[in-house]
Amino acid sequence: MHDVMMDIEALSTQLGAVVLTIGAVVFDPESDQIGQSFAIRLPAQEQIDRGALVDIDTIQWWMDQSLEARQAAFQGPCAHSVAHGLGKFSRFLQRIPSERLRIWSNGPSFDSAQLQLLYARFQEPLGPGNGWPVRYNADRDCRTLFELAYPQGGIPVEDEGVAHNAADDAVWQARAVQACVRKFRGGRLFGVSSHFD
């Protein structure tokens, strides 16, 4: 398998946010196969000290989330440093050859962009381009796929995890991509046979 679904939780919706957690899972978009998962919590204060952003609206939003989601984002085991946590994520991604890796998220302009900036800010030395171990053409946007396959919403995937837990969200998003691919295999998109046929 060469696809990784990624999700982050953050303290701002602006680029340059404090990234609280990274969750990811290896998966095969064209089957039901889900592989190894990854989860890590990053030290927030270290990021704030380097200029990362915190929004009061986002803090208030977190206060309205479930206890389980807040515990995953703010409590429990944490990387010793941001660079240490990013290094672990790099090693997780580097199990897949970089020329074959496709990394999915619910919006590369948020998830990938936030992590690229974080890697640059903390000088994580692994991989091309300021340490971000993902090629420029590897990003995939599951939000676009979801809208094309299920324009009215209602992707037929059970939500078994905790909402806004990055690791659980990554697994749900991977299963949702698989559901969309199954739907495309069974029909045509805009009157044109999909490349999954």
N, C-alpha and C. Protein backbone atom coordinates (compact mmCIF):
# COMPACT_ATOMS: atom_id res chain seq x y z
N MET A 1 0.84 -1.18 0.00
CA MET A 1 0.00 0.00 0.00
C MET A 1 0.88 1.25 0.00
N HIS A 2 0.44 2.25 -0.76
CA HIS A 2 1.25 3.46 -0.93
C HIS A 2 0.49 4.74 -0.58
N ASP A 3 -0.69 4.59 0.00
CA ASP A 3 -1.50 5.75 0.34
C ASP A 3 -1.57 5.92 1.85
N VAL A 4 -1.48 7.17 2.30
CA VAL A 4 -1.58 7.50 3.72
C VAL A 4 -2.64 8.58 3.88
N MET A 5 -3.58 8.32 4.77
CA MET A 5 -4.54 9.36 5.14
C MET A 5 -4.01 10.06 6.38
N MET A 6 -4.04 11.38 6.37
CA MET A 6 -3.49 12.18 7.46
C MET A 6 -4.57 13.13 7.97
N ASP A 7 -4.52 13.41 9.27
CA ASP A 7 -5.39 14.42 9.85
C ASP A 7 -4.62 15.11 10.98
N ILE A 8 -4.87 16.39 11.16
CA ILE A 8 -4.27 17.11 12.29
C ILE A 8 -5.37 17.80 13.08
N GLU A 9 -5.05 18.08 14.33
CA GLU A 9 -5.88 18.96 15.15
C GLU A 9 -5.01 20.14 15.55
N ALA A 10 -5.59 21.33 15.53
CA ALA A 10 -4.81 22.55 15.70
C ALA A 10 -5.53 23.54 16.59
N LEU A 11 -4.84 24.65 16.89
CA LEU A 11 -5.39 25.70 17.75
C LEU A 11 -5.74 26.97 16.98
N SER A 12 -5.76 26.87 15.67
CA SER A 12 -6.17 27.99 14.83
C SER A 12 -6.54 27.44 13.47
N THR A 13 -7.41 28.16 12.76
CA THR A 13 -7.71 27.80 11.38
C THR A 13 -6.82 28.56 10.40
N GLN A 14 -5.91 29.39 10.92
CA GLN A 14 -5.00 30.14 10.08
C GLN A 14 -3.71 29.34 9.83
N LEU A 15 -3.08 29.61 8.71
CA LEU A 15 -1.79 28.99 8.42
C LEU A 15 -0.77 29.44 9.46
N GLY A 16 -0.06 28.49 10.01
CA GLY A 16 0.90 28.79 11.07
C GLY A 16 0.36 28.48 12.44
N ALA A 17 -0.69 27.67 12.50
CA ALA A 17 -1.33 27.32 13.76
C ALA A 17 -0.46 26.39 14.60
N VAL A 18 -0.70 26.40 15.91
CA VAL A 18 -0.19 25.35 16.77
C VAL A 18 -0.85 24.04 16.35
N VAL A 19 -0.03 23.04 16.05
CA VAL A 19 -0.54 21.71 15.71
C VAL A 19 -0.49 20.86 16.98
N LEU A 20 -1.66 20.44 17.44
CA LEU A 20 -1.74 19.66 18.66
C LEU A 20 -1.41 18.20 18.44
N THR A 21 -2.01 17.61 17.40
CA THR A 21 -1.85 16.18 17.15
C THR A 21 -1.77 15.90 15.66
N ILE A 22 -1.10 14.82 15.33
CA ILE A 22 -1.06 14.29 13.96
C ILE A 22 -1.55 12.85 14.05
N GLY A 23 -2.50 12.50 13.20
CA GLY A 23 -2.95 11.12 13.07
C GLY A 23 -2.84 10.70 11.62
N ALA A 24 -2.52 9.44 11.39
CA ALA A 24 -2.37 8.96 10.01
C ALA A 24 -2.59 7.45 9.97
N VAL A 25 -2.96 6.97 8.80
CA VAL A 25 -3.13 5.54 8.61
C VAL A 25 -2.79 5.19 7.17
N VAL A 26 -2.11 4.08 6.98
CA VAL A 26 -1.84 3.55 5.64
C VAL A 26 -3.09 2.82 5.18
N PHE A 27 -3.46 3.00 3.91
CA PHE A 27 -4.66 2.33 3.42
C PHE A 27 -4.58 2.13 1.91
N ASP A 28 -5.45 1.26 1.41
CA ASP A 28 -5.57 1.01 -0.02
C ASP A 28 -6.91 1.59 -0.48
N PRO A 29 -6.92 2.65 -1.28
CA PRO A 29 -8.17 3.26 -1.71
C PRO A 29 -9.08 2.30 -2.50
N GLU A 30 -8.50 1.29 -3.13
CA GLU A 30 -9.26 0.43 -4.03
C GLU A 30 -9.68 -0.89 -3.39
N SER A 31 -9.58 -0.99 -2.08
CA SER A 31 -10.06 -2.17 -1.36
C SER A 31 -10.53 -1.71 0.01
N ASP A 32 -10.79 -2.66 0.89
CA ASP A 32 -11.17 -2.32 2.26
C ASP A 32 -9.98 -2.38 3.21
N GLN A 33 -8.79 -2.51 2.66
CA GLN A 33 -7.61 -2.74 3.49
C GLN A 33 -7.14 -1.47 4.19
N ILE A 34 -6.96 -1.58 5.50
CA ILE A 34 -6.41 -0.51 6.35
C ILE A 34 -5.16 -1.07 7.00
N GLY A 35 -4.08 -0.32 6.92
CA GLY A 35 -2.81 -0.80 7.45
C GLY A 35 -2.42 -0.13 8.75
N GLN A 36 -1.13 0.07 8.91
CA GLN A 36 -0.58 0.60 10.15
C GLN A 36 -1.02 2.04 10.38
N SER A 37 -1.24 2.37 11.65
CA SER A 37 -1.66 3.72 11.99
C SER A 37 -0.56 4.44 12.77
N PHE A 38 -0.74 5.75 12.89
CA PHE A 38 0.24 6.61 13.56
C PHE A 38 -0.52 7.69 14.31
N ALA A 39 -0.07 8.01 15.52
CA ALA A 39 -0.65 9.12 16.27
C ALA A 39 0.42 9.71 17.17
N ILE A 40 0.46 11.04 17.23
CA ILE A 40 1.39 11.69 18.14
C ILE A 40 0.84 13.05 18.54
N ARG A 41 1.13 13.42 19.77
CA ARG A 41 0.78 14.75 20.28
C ARG A 41 2.05 15.57 20.35
N LEU A 42 1.97 16.83 19.92
CA LEU A 42 3.14 17.70 19.87
C LEU A 42 3.06 18.75 20.97
N PRO A 43 4.21 19.16 21.53
CA PRO A 43 4.20 20.19 22.58
C PRO A 43 3.73 21.54 22.04
N ALA A 44 2.67 22.07 22.63
CA ALA A 44 2.09 23.32 22.16
C ALA A 44 2.95 24.53 22.53
N GLN A 45 3.45 24.57 23.76
CA GLN A 45 4.17 25.76 24.22
C GLN A 45 5.42 26.01 23.38
N GLU A 46 6.11 24.95 23.00
CA GLU A 46 7.30 25.11 22.17
C GLU A 46 6.95 25.78 20.85
N GLN A 47 5.79 25.43 20.29
CA GLN A 47 5.35 26.06 19.04
C GLN A 47 4.96 27.52 19.26
N ILE A 48 4.27 27.79 20.36
CA ILE A 48 3.88 29.17 20.67
C ILE A 48 5.12 30.04 20.84
N ASP A 49 6.15 29.50 21.48
CA ASP A 49 7.40 30.24 21.67
C ASP A 49 8.07 30.58 20.35
N ARG A 50 7.78 29.82 19.28
CA ARG A 50 8.34 30.10 17.96
C ARG A 50 7.37 30.84 17.06
N GLY A 51 6.28 31.34 17.63
CA GLY A 51 5.38 32.19 16.85
C GLY A 51 4.16 31.51 16.27
N ALA A 52 3.89 30.26 16.62
CA ALA A 52 2.69 29.59 16.11
C ALA A 52 1.44 30.24 16.68
N LEU A 53 0.35 30.16 15.93
CA LEU A 53 -0.86 30.91 16.23
C LEU A 53 -1.86 30.12 17.06
N VAL A 54 -2.56 30.84 17.94
CA VAL A 54 -3.67 30.32 18.73
C VAL A 54 -4.81 31.31 18.58
N ASP A 55 -6.00 30.80 18.22
CA ASP A 55 -7.19 31.66 18.09
C ASP A 55 -8.13 31.42 19.25
N ILE A 56 -8.67 32.47 19.81
CA ILE A 56 -9.63 32.34 20.90
C ILE A 56 -10.88 31.60 20.43
N ASP A 57 -11.31 31.82 19.18
CA ASP A 57 -12.48 31.12 18.66
C ASP A 57 -12.24 29.61 18.62
N THR A 58 -11.02 29.22 18.26
CA THR A 58 -10.71 27.79 18.21
C THR A 58 -10.64 27.20 19.61
N ILE A 59 -10.09 27.95 20.56
CA ILE A 59 -10.08 27.49 21.95
C ILE A 59 -11.51 27.28 22.43
N GLN A 60 -12.39 28.24 22.13
CA GLN A 60 -13.79 28.09 22.54
C GLN A 60 -14.45 26.90 21.86
N TRP A 61 -14.11 26.67 20.59
CA TRP A 61 -14.64 25.51 19.88
C TRP A 61 -14.19 24.22 20.56
N TRP A 62 -12.92 24.15 20.97
CA TRP A 62 -12.42 22.96 21.66
C TRP A 62 -13.18 22.73 22.96
N MET A 63 -13.56 23.77 23.65
CA MET A 63 -14.29 23.62 24.91
C MET A 63 -15.64 22.95 24.71
N ASP A 64 -16.18 23.03 23.49
CA ASP A 64 -17.48 22.41 23.19
C ASP A 64 -17.35 20.98 22.68
N GLN A 65 -16.13 20.49 22.51
CA GLN A 65 -15.95 19.14 22.00
C GLN A 65 -16.00 18.12 23.14
N SER A 66 -16.05 16.85 22.77
CA SER A 66 -16.19 15.79 23.78
C SER A 66 -14.96 15.72 24.67
N LEU A 67 -15.16 15.18 25.86
CA LEU A 67 -14.05 14.97 26.78
C LEU A 67 -12.96 14.11 26.14
N GLU A 68 -13.38 13.08 25.42
CA GLU A 68 -12.41 12.18 24.77
C GLU A 68 -11.57 12.92 23.73
N ALA A 69 -12.21 13.78 22.95
CA ALA A 69 -11.48 14.55 21.95
C ALA A 69 -10.50 15.51 22.62
N ARG A 70 -10.94 16.19 23.68
CA ARG A 70 -10.06 17.12 24.38
C ARG A 70 -8.88 16.40 25.05
N GLN A 71 -9.14 15.22 25.61
CA GLN A 71 -8.05 14.46 26.24
C GLN A 71 -7.00 14.06 25.20
N ALA A 72 -7.45 13.61 24.01
CA ALA A 72 -6.51 13.20 22.97
C ALA A 72 -5.66 14.39 22.50
N ALA A 73 -6.26 15.57 22.48
CA ALA A 73 -5.56 16.75 21.97
C ALA A 73 -4.67 17.43 23.00
N PHE A 74 -5.05 17.36 24.27
CA PHE A 74 -4.37 18.18 25.28
C PHE A 74 -3.72 17.40 26.42
N GLN A 75 -3.99 16.11 26.53
CA GLN A 75 -3.47 15.34 27.66
C GLN A 75 -2.78 14.07 27.17
N GLY A 76 -2.14 13.40 28.10
CA GLY A 76 -1.53 12.12 27.78
C GLY A 76 -0.15 12.27 27.18
N PRO A 77 0.41 11.15 26.70
CA PRO A 77 1.78 11.14 26.19
C PRO A 77 1.99 12.19 25.09
N CYS A 78 3.16 12.80 25.13
CA CYS A 78 3.48 13.87 24.18
C CYS A 78 4.93 13.69 23.73
N ALA A 79 5.22 14.05 22.51
CA ALA A 79 6.60 14.01 22.02
C ALA A 79 7.49 14.88 22.91
N HIS A 80 8.75 14.49 23.06
CA HIS A 80 9.70 15.26 23.89
C HIS A 80 9.90 16.66 23.35
N SER A 81 9.82 16.79 22.03
CA SER A 81 9.97 18.08 21.36
C SER A 81 9.21 18.01 20.06
N VAL A 82 8.96 19.16 19.46
CA VAL A 82 8.29 19.17 18.16
C VAL A 82 9.13 18.45 17.13
N ALA A 83 10.43 18.72 17.10
CA ALA A 83 11.31 18.06 16.13
C ALA A 83 11.28 16.55 16.31
N HIS A 84 11.25 16.09 17.56
CA HIS A 84 11.19 14.65 17.82
C HIS A 84 9.89 14.06 17.26
N GLY A 85 8.78 14.73 17.49
CA GLY A 85 7.50 14.26 16.96
C GLY A 85 7.46 14.25 15.44
N LEU A 86 8.01 15.30 14.82
CA LEU A 86 8.05 15.35 13.36
C LEU A 86 8.96 14.27 12.80
N GLY A 87 10.04 14.00 13.50
CA GLY A 87 10.94 12.92 13.08
C GLY A 87 10.24 11.58 13.08
N LYS A 88 9.41 11.33 14.09
CA LYS A 88 8.65 10.07 14.14
C LYS A 88 7.68 9.99 12.97
N PHE A 89 7.01 11.11 12.67
CA PHE A 89 6.08 11.11 11.55
C PHE A 89 6.83 10.89 10.24
N SER A 90 7.99 11.51 10.08
CA SER A 90 8.81 11.30 8.89
C SER A 90 9.14 9.82 8.71
N ARG A 91 9.56 9.18 9.80
CA ARG A 91 9.93 7.76 9.70
C ARG A 91 8.72 6.90 9.35
N PHE A 92 7.54 7.26 9.86
CA PHE A 92 6.32 6.54 9.49
C PHE A 92 6.07 6.66 7.98
N LEU A 93 6.19 7.86 7.44
CA LEU A 93 5.95 8.08 6.01
C LEU A 93 7.02 7.43 5.14
N GLN A 94 8.26 7.40 5.63
CA GLN A 94 9.36 6.93 4.81
C GLN A 94 9.40 5.41 4.65
N ARG A 95 8.44 4.72 5.26
CA ARG A 95 8.31 3.29 5.00
C ARG A 95 7.80 3.04 3.58
N ILE A 96 7.20 4.07 3.01
CA ILE A 96 6.73 4.01 1.62
C ILE A 96 7.71 4.80 0.77
N PRO A 97 8.20 4.24 -0.35
CA PRO A 97 9.12 5.00 -1.21
C PRO A 97 8.50 6.34 -1.60
N SER A 98 9.27 7.41 -1.49
CA SER A 98 8.72 8.75 -1.68
C SER A 98 8.09 8.94 -3.06
N GLU A 99 8.63 8.26 -4.08
CA GLU A 99 8.07 8.43 -5.43
C GLU A 99 6.73 7.72 -5.58
N ARG A 100 6.35 6.87 -4.63
CA ARG A 100 5.07 6.16 -4.71
C ARG A 100 4.06 6.64 -3.68
N LEU A 101 4.51 7.40 -2.68
CA LEU A 101 3.63 7.86 -1.62
C LEU A 101 2.59 8.84 -2.13
N ARG A 102 1.34 8.59 -1.77
CA ARG A 102 0.26 9.56 -1.97
C ARG A 102 -0.29 9.85 -0.58
N ILE A 103 -0.37 11.13 -0.23
CA ILE A 103 -0.84 11.50 1.11
C ILE A 103 -2.14 12.27 0.99
N TRP A 104 -3.17 11.72 1.61
CA TRP A 104 -4.51 12.27 1.56
C TRP A 104 -4.80 13.07 2.82
N SER A 105 -5.64 14.07 2.67
CA SER A 105 -6.14 14.79 3.84
C SER A 105 -7.44 15.47 3.45
N ASN A 106 -8.13 15.97 4.46
CA ASN A 106 -9.40 16.66 4.24
C ASN A 106 -9.11 18.12 3.93
N GLY A 107 -8.21 18.30 2.96
CA GLY A 107 -7.82 19.63 2.52
C GLY A 107 -6.33 19.85 2.66
N PRO A 108 -5.54 19.56 1.59
CA PRO A 108 -4.09 19.78 1.66
C PRO A 108 -3.72 21.23 1.95
N SER A 109 -4.60 22.17 1.60
CA SER A 109 -4.28 23.58 1.87
C SER A 109 -4.32 23.88 3.37
N PHE A 110 -4.83 22.94 4.16
CA PHE A 110 -4.77 23.09 5.61
C PHE A 110 -3.79 22.10 6.22
N ASP A 111 -4.13 20.81 6.16
CA ASP A 111 -3.31 19.81 6.86
C ASP A 111 -1.86 19.79 6.38
N SER A 112 -1.66 19.57 5.09
CA SER A 112 -0.29 19.52 4.57
C SER A 112 0.41 20.86 4.72
N ALA A 113 -0.31 21.94 4.44
CA ALA A 113 0.32 23.27 4.53
C ALA A 113 0.77 23.56 5.96
N GLN A 114 -0.06 23.21 6.95
CA GLN A 114 0.33 23.44 8.34
C GLN A 114 1.58 22.64 8.70
N LEU A 115 1.63 21.39 8.26
CA LEU A 115 2.79 20.56 8.61
C LEU A 115 4.04 21.00 7.87
N GLN A 116 3.90 21.41 6.61
CA GLN A 116 5.08 21.91 5.89
C GLN A 116 5.69 23.11 6.60
N LEU A 117 4.83 24.01 7.06
CA LEU A 117 5.33 25.18 7.78
C LEU A 117 5.96 24.77 9.10
N LEU A 118 5.35 23.80 9.78
CA LEU A 118 5.89 23.32 11.06
C LEU A 118 7.26 22.69 10.85
N TYR A 119 7.39 21.87 9.80
CA TYR A 119 8.69 21.26 9.49
C TYR A 119 9.73 22.35 9.21
N ALA A 120 9.35 23.36 8.44
CA ALA A 120 10.29 24.43 8.12
C ALA A 120 10.68 25.20 9.39
N ARG A 121 9.71 25.47 10.24
CA ARG A 121 9.94 26.25 11.46
C ARG A 121 10.88 25.52 12.42
N PHE A 122 10.76 24.20 12.47
CA PHE A 122 11.56 23.44 13.43
C PHE A 122 12.73 22.72 12.78
N GLN A 123 13.03 23.04 11.53
CA GLN A 123 14.25 22.57 10.86
C GLN A 123 14.40 21.06 10.93
N GLU A 124 13.28 20.33 10.77
CA GLU A 124 13.36 18.87 10.80
C GLU A 124 14.16 18.45 9.56
N PRO A 125 15.29 17.75 9.73
CA PRO A 125 16.24 17.59 8.65
C PRO A 125 15.92 16.48 7.66
N LEU A 126 14.92 15.65 7.90
CA LEU A 126 14.67 14.52 7.01
C LEU A 126 13.85 14.96 5.81
N GLY A 127 14.14 14.37 4.65
CA GLY A 127 13.30 14.55 3.47
C GLY A 127 13.60 15.82 2.70
N PRO A 128 12.97 15.95 1.51
CA PRO A 128 13.21 17.10 0.64
C PRO A 128 12.47 18.33 1.13
N GLY A 129 13.02 19.50 0.87
CA GLY A 129 12.32 20.76 1.07
C GLY A 129 11.97 21.06 2.52
N ASN A 130 12.93 21.58 3.27
CA ASN A 130 12.71 21.95 4.66
C ASN A 130 12.25 20.79 5.53
N GLY A 131 12.59 19.58 5.12
CA GLY A 131 12.28 18.44 5.95
C GLY A 131 10.96 17.76 5.67
N TRP A 132 10.01 18.42 4.99
CA TRP A 132 8.73 17.79 4.71
C TRP A 132 8.97 16.59 3.80
N PRO A 133 8.70 15.35 4.28
CA PRO A 133 9.12 14.15 3.54
C PRO A 133 8.11 13.71 2.49
N VAL A 134 7.46 14.65 1.82
CA VAL A 134 6.42 14.35 0.85
C VAL A 134 6.71 15.13 -0.42
N ARG A 135 6.66 14.43 -1.55
CA ARG A 135 6.93 15.09 -2.82
C ARG A 135 5.85 16.12 -3.15
N TYR A 136 6.20 17.09 -3.98
CA TYR A 136 5.31 18.20 -4.30
C TYR A 136 4.00 17.74 -4.93
N ASN A 137 4.01 16.56 -5.59
CA ASN A 137 2.82 16.10 -6.32
C ASN A 137 2.11 14.95 -5.62
N ALA A 138 2.38 14.73 -4.34
CA ALA A 138 1.83 13.56 -3.65
C ALA A 138 0.50 13.84 -2.94
N ASP A 139 0.12 15.11 -2.79
CA ASP A 139 -1.09 15.43 -2.04
C ASP A 139 -2.35 15.00 -2.78
N ARG A 140 -3.31 14.47 -2.03
CA ARG A 140 -4.63 14.12 -2.54
C ARG A 140 -5.67 14.74 -1.60
N ASP A 141 -6.76 15.24 -2.17
CA ASP A 141 -7.78 15.95 -1.40
C ASP A 141 -9.03 15.09 -1.31
N CYS A 142 -9.29 14.52 -0.13
CA CYS A 142 -10.47 13.66 0.00
C CYS A 142 -11.76 14.47 0.04
N ARG A 143 -11.74 15.71 0.47
CA ARG A 143 -12.97 16.51 0.50
C ARG A 143 -13.57 16.65 -0.90
N THR A 144 -12.73 16.86 -1.91
CA THR A 144 -13.21 16.95 -3.29
C THR A 144 -13.81 15.63 -3.74
N LEU A 145 -13.13 14.54 -3.43
CA LEU A 145 -13.64 13.21 -3.78
C LEU A 145 -14.98 12.95 -3.12
N PHE A 146 -15.11 13.32 -1.85
CA PHE A 146 -16.36 13.10 -1.12
C PHE A 146 -17.52 13.84 -1.81
N GLU A 147 -17.27 15.09 -2.20
CA GLU A 147 -18.34 15.88 -2.81
C GLU A 147 -18.73 15.35 -4.18
N LEU A 148 -17.76 14.85 -4.94
CA LEU A 148 -18.07 14.28 -6.25
C LEU A 148 -18.88 13.00 -6.11
N ALA A 149 -18.50 12.15 -5.17
CA ALA A 149 -19.18 10.86 -5.03
C ALA A 149 -20.52 10.98 -4.32
N TYR A 150 -20.59 11.84 -3.31
CA TYR A 150 -21.80 11.99 -2.49
C TYR A 150 -22.12 13.47 -2.34
N PRO A 151 -22.63 14.11 -3.41
CA PRO A 151 -22.87 15.56 -3.35
C PRO A 151 -23.89 15.97 -2.29
N GLN A 152 -24.74 15.05 -1.88
CA GLN A 152 -25.72 15.36 -0.83
C GLN A 152 -25.21 14.93 0.55
N GLY A 153 -23.98 14.46 0.63
CA GLY A 153 -23.44 13.96 1.90
C GLY A 153 -23.88 12.53 2.15
N GLY A 154 -23.71 12.08 3.37
CA GLY A 154 -24.17 10.74 3.73
C GLY A 154 -23.30 9.61 3.21
N ILE A 155 -21.99 9.78 3.28
CA ILE A 155 -21.08 8.70 2.87
C ILE A 155 -21.35 7.49 3.78
N PRO A 156 -21.58 6.31 3.20
CA PRO A 156 -21.98 5.15 4.00
C PRO A 156 -20.81 4.49 4.74
N VAL A 157 -20.32 5.20 5.75
CA VAL A 157 -19.22 4.69 6.58
C VAL A 157 -19.60 4.95 8.03
N GLU A 158 -19.56 3.90 8.85
CA GLU A 158 -19.87 4.08 10.27
C GLU A 158 -18.76 4.87 10.95
N ASP A 159 -19.16 5.75 11.85
CA ASP A 159 -18.20 6.55 12.61
C ASP A 159 -17.97 5.87 13.95
N GLU A 160 -16.91 5.05 14.02
CA GLU A 160 -16.67 4.24 15.21
C GLU A 160 -15.71 4.90 16.19
N GLY A 161 -15.05 5.97 15.79
CA GLY A 161 -14.06 6.60 16.65
C GLY A 161 -14.59 7.84 17.33
N VAL A 162 -13.66 8.62 17.84
CA VAL A 162 -13.97 9.87 18.52
C VAL A 162 -13.80 11.02 17.53
N ALA A 163 -14.85 11.80 17.34
CA ALA A 163 -14.75 12.95 16.43
C ALA A 163 -13.70 13.93 16.95
N HIS A 164 -12.89 14.43 16.03
CA HIS A 164 -11.83 15.39 16.31
C HIS A 164 -10.67 14.77 17.10
N ASN A 165 -10.56 13.47 17.05
CA ASN A 165 -9.34 12.76 17.43
C ASN A 165 -8.63 12.49 16.11
N ALA A 166 -7.44 13.03 15.92
CA ALA A 166 -6.78 12.98 14.61
C ALA A 166 -6.62 11.56 14.09
N ALA A 167 -6.26 10.62 14.95
CA ALA A 167 -6.07 9.24 14.51
C ALA A 167 -7.38 8.61 14.08
N ASP A 168 -8.45 8.83 14.86
CA ASP A 168 -9.76 8.27 14.51
C ASP A 168 -10.31 8.93 13.25
N ASP A 169 -10.13 10.23 13.11
CA ASP A 169 -10.59 10.92 11.91
C ASP A 169 -9.87 10.42 10.67
N ALA A 170 -8.58 10.14 10.79
CA ALA A 170 -7.82 9.62 9.64
C ALA A 170 -8.38 8.28 9.18
N VAL A 171 -8.72 7.40 10.13
CA VAL A 171 -9.28 6.10 9.76
C VAL A 171 -10.64 6.29 9.08
N TRP A 172 -11.50 7.15 9.64
CA TRP A 172 -12.82 7.38 9.02
C TRP A 172 -12.65 7.93 7.61
N GLN A 173 -11.76 8.89 7.43
CA GLN A 173 -11.55 9.49 6.12
C GLN A 173 -11.02 8.46 5.13
N ALA A 174 -10.13 7.57 5.57
CA ALA A 174 -9.63 6.51 4.69
C ALA A 174 -10.77 5.60 4.26
N ARG A 175 -11.63 5.21 5.19
CA ARG A 175 -12.76 4.36 4.85
C ARG A 175 -13.75 5.08 3.94
N ALA A 176 -13.89 6.40 4.12
CA ALA A 176 -14.77 7.17 3.24
C ALA A 176 -14.22 7.23 1.82
N VAL A 177 -12.90 7.39 1.67
CA VAL A 177 -12.30 7.35 0.33
C VAL A 177 -12.57 6.00 -0.32
N GLN A 178 -12.40 4.94 0.44
CA GLN A 178 -12.67 3.60 -0.10
C GLN A 178 -14.12 3.48 -0.56
N ALA A 179 -15.06 4.03 0.21
CA ALA A 179 -16.48 3.99 -0.17
C ALA A 179 -16.72 4.77 -1.46
N CYS A 180 -16.06 5.91 -1.61
CA CYS A 180 -16.21 6.71 -2.83
C CYS A 180 -15.66 5.96 -4.04
N VAL A 181 -14.51 5.33 -3.89
CA VAL A 181 -13.92 4.58 -5.00
C VAL A 181 -14.84 3.43 -5.39
N ARG A 182 -15.42 2.74 -4.40
CA ARG A 182 -16.37 1.66 -4.71
C ARG A 182 -17.55 2.20 -5.51
N LYS A 183 -18.04 3.37 -5.13
CA LYS A 183 -19.17 3.95 -5.85
C LYS A 183 -18.77 4.28 -7.29
N PHE A 184 -17.59 4.85 -7.48
CA PHE A 184 -17.14 5.18 -8.83
C PHE A 184 -16.95 3.93 -9.68
N ARG A 185 -16.50 2.87 -9.07
CA ARG A 185 -16.32 1.62 -9.82
C ARG A 185 -17.64 1.08 -10.35
N GLY A 186 -18.72 1.37 -9.62
CA GLY A 186 -20.02 0.83 -10.01
C GLY A 186 -20.77 1.69 -11.01
N GLY A 187 -20.21 2.82 -11.41
CA GLY A 187 -20.95 3.69 -12.33
C GLY A 187 -20.05 4.62 -13.10
N ARG A 188 -20.66 5.65 -13.62
CA ARG A 188 -19.95 6.63 -14.42
C ARG A 188 -20.09 7.99 -13.76
N LEU A 189 -19.07 8.81 -13.95
CA LEU A 189 -19.05 10.14 -13.35
C LEU A 189 -19.18 11.17 -14.46
N PHE A 190 -20.22 11.99 -14.38
CA PHE A 190 -20.48 13.03 -15.39
C PHE A 190 -20.53 12.44 -16.80
N GLY A 191 -21.04 11.20 -16.92
CA GLY A 191 -21.17 10.58 -18.24
C GLY A 191 -19.87 10.04 -18.80
N VAL A 192 -18.80 10.11 -18.05
CA VAL A 192 -17.50 9.64 -18.52
C VAL A 192 -17.03 8.53 -17.59
N SER A 193 -16.56 7.44 -18.17
CA SER A 193 -16.09 6.33 -17.35
C SER A 193 -14.95 6.80 -16.46
N SER A 194 -15.02 6.47 -15.17
CA SER A 194 -13.97 6.91 -14.26
C SER A 194 -12.72 6.07 -14.47
N HIS A 195 -11.59 6.59 -14.04
CA HIS A 195 -10.32 5.86 -14.22
C HIS A 195 -10.23 4.66 -13.28
N PHE A 196 -11.21 4.49 -12.37
CA PHE A 196 -11.22 3.33 -11.50
C PHE A 196 -11.90 2.13 -12.16
N ASP A 197 -12.58 2.35 -13.33
CA ASP A 197 -13.29 1.24 -13.99
C ASP A 197 -12.30 0.23 -14.55
